[in-house]
Amino acid sequence: MDKKIDAIITDVDGVMIGNRKGVNFPYPSNDVTNALVNISNKIPVILCSGKYKKTVADLAIHLGLNNYHIADGGSSIFNPYTGDDIGNKFIDNDFVSQFIDNELLDSFHVEFYYADNYKLINDSKIDDFILNKRVEILGDQPIKASRQDILNTNNNLLKLVVVVKDDEKDRLNQLVDDCKSVFGEVASFWTSHPYLENYSLFVITPNGVSKNYATKEIISKLGLSDNILGIGDSFSDWSFMQNLKYVACIKNSQECALESIIREQRKDNFVIAKSVNEDGLMDVFNELSLI
């Protein structure tokens, strides 16, 4: 498939980073890394991730991607080389105050994210297994803080992440439904990481913020054409991919919701590739004549 592609906007976890430690975790495989470096010498490669800013910046620098990137589910849009920010969005102070008193903190592992660090509340539920995995994924240790400390710094909160076992998602969904008066003030979505199997992440971002919002901001800022390729692996990625001319799905499971919606919504200009642990990105790049 010979297509004119002027930029790539791609998810990270489950697309270029998998769960094979030392092979495609915590960085992409050698083949994918070399391909991304070569492609980025010709067109912008923009990372679009739910990971926090510091981790996305590290990956962008590792890959030599000197342009704007998206972190924190759309709350952060920045260039790690120049330090330029299109603009960070923060969670409303009133929401944080109510959230801290919610029973979620006593029931689930909750992480609070800022531009340069992330925090756990020291008297909330902290799951050591989850904590150790998350430290490996993020490449950074959290700061343990008091509830008062979170309240004192809540005007800089980019996102919240609630980590739950897959079989506890219904319980969390019920808690969220019971707290709609609070959760209505923010945006949220479910995601996962291949290195944290059998767990899901419920990500809470500022109201109106999403990967789709951030993608539009970058396209406008860089004056990009319509010839953009979006790459993802989960249903939540469709929010930023749906308005792009070309789309690709890294198929990490037999029942892939993103593949289903792509086949439903698109007649052409799409690629369905192998899993991240099979370097599915290389299929995409070869199919679209990018390498």
Protein backbone atom coordinates (compact mmCIF):
# COMPACT_ATOMS: atom_id res chain seq x y z
CA MET A 1 0.00 0.00 0.00
CA ASP A 2 1.84 3.09 -1.26
CA LYS A 3 0.41 6.11 0.59
CA LYS A 4 1.60 9.67 1.13
CA ILE A 5 1.96 10.06 4.89
CA ASP A 6 3.22 13.36 6.29
CA ALA A 7 3.15 12.54 10.03
CA ILE A 8 2.52 9.71 12.48
CA ILE A 9 0.63 10.02 15.76
CA THR A 10 1.03 6.85 17.80
CA ASP A 11 0.11 5.36 21.13
CA VAL A 12 2.99 3.88 23.12
CA ASP A 13 2.09 1.00 25.45
CA GLY A 14 0.86 -2.03 23.56
CA VAL A 15 2.00 -0.46 20.28
CA MET A 16 5.77 -0.09 20.58
CA ILE A 17 6.30 -1.19 24.20
CA GLY A 18 5.29 -4.70 25.27
CA ASN A 19 5.99 -7.01 28.21
CA ARG A 20 9.22 -8.72 27.12
CA LYS A 21 11.71 -7.27 29.57
CA GLY A 22 14.98 -6.34 27.90
CA VAL A 23 13.45 -6.90 24.44
CA ASN A 24 10.53 -4.47 24.07
CA PHE A 25 10.27 -3.21 27.65
CA PRO A 26 10.94 -0.58 28.94
CA TYR A 27 11.97 0.59 25.45
CA PRO A 28 10.85 -0.63 22.00
CA SER A 29 12.72 -3.49 20.34
CA ASN A 30 15.86 -2.70 18.35
CA ASP A 31 14.07 -3.14 15.02
CA VAL A 32 11.20 -0.84 16.00
CA THR A 33 13.61 1.71 17.50
CA ASN A 34 15.72 1.85 14.34
CA ALA A 35 12.61 2.13 12.17
CA LEU A 36 11.19 4.99 14.25
CA VAL A 37 14.52 6.84 14.18
CA ASN A 38 14.75 6.50 10.39
CA ILE A 39 11.13 7.54 9.81
CA SER A 40 11.46 10.54 12.13
CA ASN A 41 14.28 11.86 9.96
CA LYS A 42 11.68 12.30 7.19
CA ILE A 43 8.36 13.07 8.94
CA PRO A 44 7.24 13.95 12.49
CA VAL A 45 6.56 10.97 14.77
CA ILE A 46 4.34 12.15 17.63
CA LEU A 47 3.88 10.05 20.77
CA CYS A 48 0.32 10.10 22.14
CA SER A 49 0.19 8.40 25.53
CA GLY A 50 -1.62 8.14 28.81
CA LYS A 51 1.78 7.91 30.52
CA TYR A 52 2.98 10.86 32.49
CA LYS A 53 5.08 13.63 31.00
CA LYS A 54 8.44 12.63 32.46
CA THR A 55 8.21 9.07 31.09
CA VAL A 56 7.05 10.17 27.63
CA ALA A 57 9.86 12.75 27.51
CA ASP A 58 12.41 10.05 28.32
CA LEU A 59 11.09 7.81 25.53
CA ALA A 60 10.99 10.66 23.00
CA ILE A 61 14.62 11.55 23.75
CA HIS A 62 15.62 7.86 23.63
CA LEU A 63 14.13 7.69 20.11
CA GLY A 64 15.39 11.12 19.03
CA LEU A 65 11.90 12.49 18.37
CA ASN A 66 12.45 16.26 18.46
CA ASN A 67 8.89 17.56 18.19
CA TYR A 68 5.70 17.90 20.25
CA HIS A 69 4.27 14.90 22.08
CA ILE A 70 1.14 14.10 24.11
CA ALA A 71 1.25 12.75 27.66
CA ASP A 72 -1.13 12.25 30.59
CA GLY A 73 -4.02 11.30 28.32
CA GLY A 74 -3.97 14.73 26.66
CA SER A 75 -3.28 16.96 29.68
CA SER A 76 0.33 17.60 28.60
CA ILE A 77 1.43 18.71 25.11
CA PHE A 78 5.15 19.48 25.00
CA ASN A 79 8.52 19.26 23.25
CA PRO A 80 11.08 17.64 25.58
CA TYR A 81 13.99 19.09 23.60
CA THR A 82 12.96 22.74 23.72
CA GLY A 83 10.93 22.66 26.93
CA ASP A 84 8.06 24.32 25.06
CA ASP A 85 4.53 23.52 26.24
CA ILE A 86 1.43 24.14 24.15
CA GLY A 87 -0.32 24.19 27.52
CA ASN A 88 -0.94 21.92 30.46
CA LYS A 89 -4.49 21.32 31.65
CA PHE A 90 -5.18 20.69 35.33
CA ILE A 91 -7.92 18.92 37.24
CA ASP A 92 -10.37 21.20 39.02
CA ASN A 93 -9.48 21.89 42.66
CA ASP A 94 -12.99 21.18 43.92
CA PHE A 95 -12.93 17.75 42.31
CA VAL A 96 -9.63 16.87 44.00
CA SER A 97 -10.96 17.93 47.39
CA GLN A 98 -14.01 15.68 47.00
CA PHE A 99 -12.03 12.79 45.53
CA ILE A 100 -9.63 12.65 48.47
CA ASP A 101 -12.55 11.99 50.82
CA ASN A 102 -13.96 9.27 48.55
CA GLU A 103 -13.84 5.59 49.54
CA LEU A 104 -11.89 4.88 46.34
CA LEU A 105 -8.72 5.74 48.22
CA ASP A 106 -9.45 3.01 50.76
CA SER A 107 -10.42 0.44 48.12
CA PHE A 108 -8.00 0.83 45.22
CA HIS A 109 -4.44 1.79 44.36
CA VAL A 110 -4.58 5.49 43.29
CA GLU A 111 -1.78 7.59 41.78
CA PHE A 112 -1.68 11.41 41.50
CA TYR A 113 0.29 12.87 38.57
CA TYR A 114 2.11 16.18 38.19
CA ALA A 115 4.50 17.47 35.51
CA ASP A 116 7.68 16.15 37.13
CA ASN A 117 6.56 13.50 39.63
CA TYR A 118 3.71 11.35 40.82
CA LYS A 119 2.41 10.74 44.34
CA LEU A 120 0.65 8.17 46.47
CA ILE A 121 -1.27 9.13 49.61
CA ASN A 122 0.53 7.45 52.49
CA ASP A 123 -2.60 6.44 54.43
CA SER A 124 -4.51 5.15 51.37
CA LYS A 125 -4.44 1.64 49.93
CA ILE A 126 -1.00 1.00 48.38
CA ASP A 127 -0.62 -2.37 46.68
CA ASP A 128 3.08 -3.38 46.72
CA PHE A 129 2.76 -5.65 43.67
CA ILE A 130 1.13 -2.88 41.65
CA LEU A 131 3.62 -0.33 42.99
CA ASN A 132 6.66 -2.38 41.94
CA LYS A 133 5.24 -2.96 38.46
CA ARG A 134 4.32 0.70 38.03
CA VAL A 135 7.82 1.81 39.07
CA GLU A 136 9.26 -0.42 36.34
CA ILE A 137 6.76 0.87 33.77
CA LEU A 138 7.26 4.54 34.64
CA GLY A 139 10.98 4.34 35.43
CA ASP A 140 10.43 6.51 38.46
CA GLN A 141 9.63 6.18 42.16
CA PRO A 142 6.52 7.90 43.55
CA ILE A 143 6.51 10.44 46.35
CA LYS A 144 4.43 9.37 49.34
CA ALA A 145 2.41 12.32 50.55
CA SER A 146 -0.28 13.23 53.05
CA ARG A 147 -3.81 14.12 52.00
CA GLN A 148 -3.10 17.68 53.05
CA ASP A 149 -0.03 17.80 50.79
CA ILE A 150 -2.19 16.72 47.83
CA LEU A 151 -4.70 19.45 48.68
CA ASN A 152 -1.93 22.03 48.91
CA THR A 153 -0.68 21.17 45.40
CA ASN A 154 -3.95 20.24 43.70
CA ASN A 155 -3.88 23.23 41.33
CA ASN A 156 -1.13 21.41 39.41
CA LEU A 157 -2.70 17.95 39.16
CA LEU A 158 -2.63 16.64 35.57
CA LYS A 159 -4.36 13.30 36.05
CA LEU A 160 -5.31 10.52 38.45
CA VAL A 161 -4.84 6.81 37.78
CA VAL A 162 -6.79 4.09 39.61
CA VAL A 163 -5.25 0.63 39.13
CA VAL A 164 -7.58 -2.35 39.58
CA LYS A 165 -7.61 -6.07 38.92
CA ASP A 166 -9.66 -6.86 35.83
CA ASP A 167 -12.22 -8.72 37.91
CA GLU A 168 -12.73 -5.57 40.05
CA LYS A 169 -13.60 -3.24 37.16
CA ASP A 170 -17.34 -3.68 37.75
CA ARG A 171 -16.90 -2.71 41.39
CA LEU A 172 -15.01 0.45 40.43
CA ASN A 173 -17.57 1.28 37.76
CA GLN A 174 -20.29 1.05 40.41
CA LEU A 175 -18.38 3.39 42.72
CA VAL A 176 -17.94 5.82 39.83
CA ASP A 177 -21.68 5.66 39.05
CA ASP A 178 -22.43 6.37 42.71
CA CYS A 179 -20.19 9.44 42.54
CA LYS A 180 -21.40 10.93 39.26
CA SER A 181 -21.84 14.34 40.87
CA VAL A 182 -18.06 14.33 41.32
CA PHE A 183 -16.94 12.42 38.24
CA GLY A 184 -19.07 14.59 35.98
CA GLU A 185 -16.51 17.35 36.40
CA VAL A 186 -13.71 15.40 34.71
CA ALA A 187 -13.02 13.17 31.72
CA SER A 188 -12.08 9.50 32.13
CA PHE A 189 -11.20 6.37 30.18
CA TRP A 190 -10.03 2.79 30.68
CA THR A 191 -6.66 1.56 29.44
CA SER A 192 -4.07 -1.12 30.21
CA HIS A 193 -0.37 -1.94 29.98
CA PRO A 194 1.00 -5.25 28.63
CA TYR A 195 3.57 -5.42 31.46
CA LEU A 196 0.79 -5.31 34.07
CA GLU A 197 -1.27 -8.28 32.95
CA ASN A 198 -4.76 -8.90 34.41
CA TYR A 199 -4.99 -5.29 35.62
CA SER A 200 -6.68 -2.23 34.15
CA LEU A 201 -6.11 1.48 34.62
CA PHE A 202 -8.92 3.99 35.07
CA VAL A 203 -7.48 7.37 34.01
CA ILE A 204 -9.08 10.64 35.13
CA THR A 205 -8.13 13.84 33.27
CA PRO A 206 -9.37 17.45 33.31
CA ASN A 207 -12.81 18.11 31.88
CA GLY A 208 -12.70 18.34 28.08
CA VAL A 209 -9.21 16.82 27.85
CA SER A 210 -8.52 13.70 25.79
CA LYS A 211 -6.05 12.33 23.27
CA ASN A 212 -8.41 13.62 20.58
CA TYR A 213 -8.30 17.16 22.00
CA ALA A 214 -4.49 17.07 22.21
CA THR A 215 -4.11 15.62 18.70
CA LYS A 216 -6.12 18.50 17.24
CA GLU A 217 -3.96 20.99 19.15
CA ILE A 218 -0.73 19.51 17.75
CA ILE A 219 -2.06 19.30 14.18
CA SER A 220 -3.01 22.98 14.38
CA LYS A 221 0.27 24.01 16.02
CA LEU A 222 2.44 22.23 13.44
CA GLY A 223 0.20 23.02 10.47
CA LEU A 224 0.09 19.36 9.46
CA SER A 225 -1.73 18.15 6.35
CA ASP A 226 -4.57 15.63 6.36
CA ASN A 227 -2.16 12.82 5.46
CA ILE A 228 -1.62 11.58 9.01
CA LEU A 229 -1.33 8.00 10.25
CA GLY A 230 -2.78 7.16 13.68
CA ILE A 231 -1.65 3.97 15.43
CA GLY A 232 -3.22 2.37 18.51
CA ASP A 233 -4.07 -0.92 20.16
CA SER A 234 -7.17 -0.29 22.29
CA PHE A 235 -10.68 1.07 21.90
CA SER A 236 -9.77 4.26 23.78
CA ASP A 237 -7.24 5.10 21.04
CA TRP A 238 -10.06 5.47 18.51
CA SER A 239 -10.82 8.87 20.06
CA PHE A 240 -7.69 10.36 18.49
CA MET A 241 -7.48 8.04 15.46
CA GLN A 242 -11.01 8.50 14.13
CA ASN A 243 -10.35 11.87 12.49
CA LEU A 244 -7.05 10.84 10.83
CA LYS A 245 -6.84 9.76 7.20
CA TYR A 246 -4.86 6.55 7.83
CA VAL A 247 -5.19 4.23 10.84
CA ALA A 248 -3.43 1.10 12.05
CA CYS A 249 -4.27 -1.35 14.81
CA ILE A 250 -1.71 -3.40 16.72
CA LYS A 251 -3.75 -6.50 17.49
CA ASN A 252 -2.75 -7.77 20.93
CA SER A 253 -5.72 -10.08 21.50
CA GLN A 254 -8.02 -12.29 19.46
CA GLU A 255 -11.00 -10.13 20.38
CA CYS A 256 -9.75 -6.62 19.64
CA ALA A 257 -12.32 -3.83 20.02
CA LEU A 258 -10.18 -1.36 18.07
CA GLU A 259 -9.95 -3.74 15.10
CA SER A 260 -13.72 -4.18 15.14
CA ILE A 261 -14.49 -0.47 15.03
CA ILE A 262 -11.87 0.17 12.34
CA ARG A 263 -13.37 -2.53 10.10
CA GLU A 264 -16.83 -1.11 10.82
CA GLN A 265 -15.92 2.53 10.15
CA ARG A 266 -13.32 2.29 7.38
CA LYS A 267 -13.44 0.74 3.91
CA ASP A 268 -9.77 1.44 3.14
CA ASN A 269 -6.67 3.27 4.38
CA PHE A 270 -6.19 0.96 7.37
CA VAL A 271 -3.78 -1.75 8.50
CA ILE A 272 -4.39 -4.52 11.04
CA ALA A 273 -1.00 -5.73 12.31
CA LYS A 274 0.41 -8.43 14.56
CA SER A 275 0.85 -7.93 18.31
CA VAL A 276 3.40 -5.66 19.96
CA ASN A 277 5.40 -8.71 21.08
CA GLU A 278 5.65 -9.71 17.40
CA ASP A 279 6.81 -6.21 16.40
CA GLY A 280 3.49 -5.45 14.73
CA LEU A 281 4.65 -1.88 14.08
CA MET A 282 7.08 -3.25 11.49
CA ASP A 283 4.07 -4.70 9.60
CA VAL A 284 2.50 -1.22 9.59
CA PHE A 285 5.64 0.52 8.40
CA ASN A 286 6.24 -2.04 5.65
CA GLU A 287 2.60 -2.07 4.50
CA LEU A 288 2.59 1.72 4.17
CA SER A 289 6.07 1.88 2.57
CA LEU A 290 7.49 3.95 5.43
CA ILE A 291 10.67 1.88 5.61
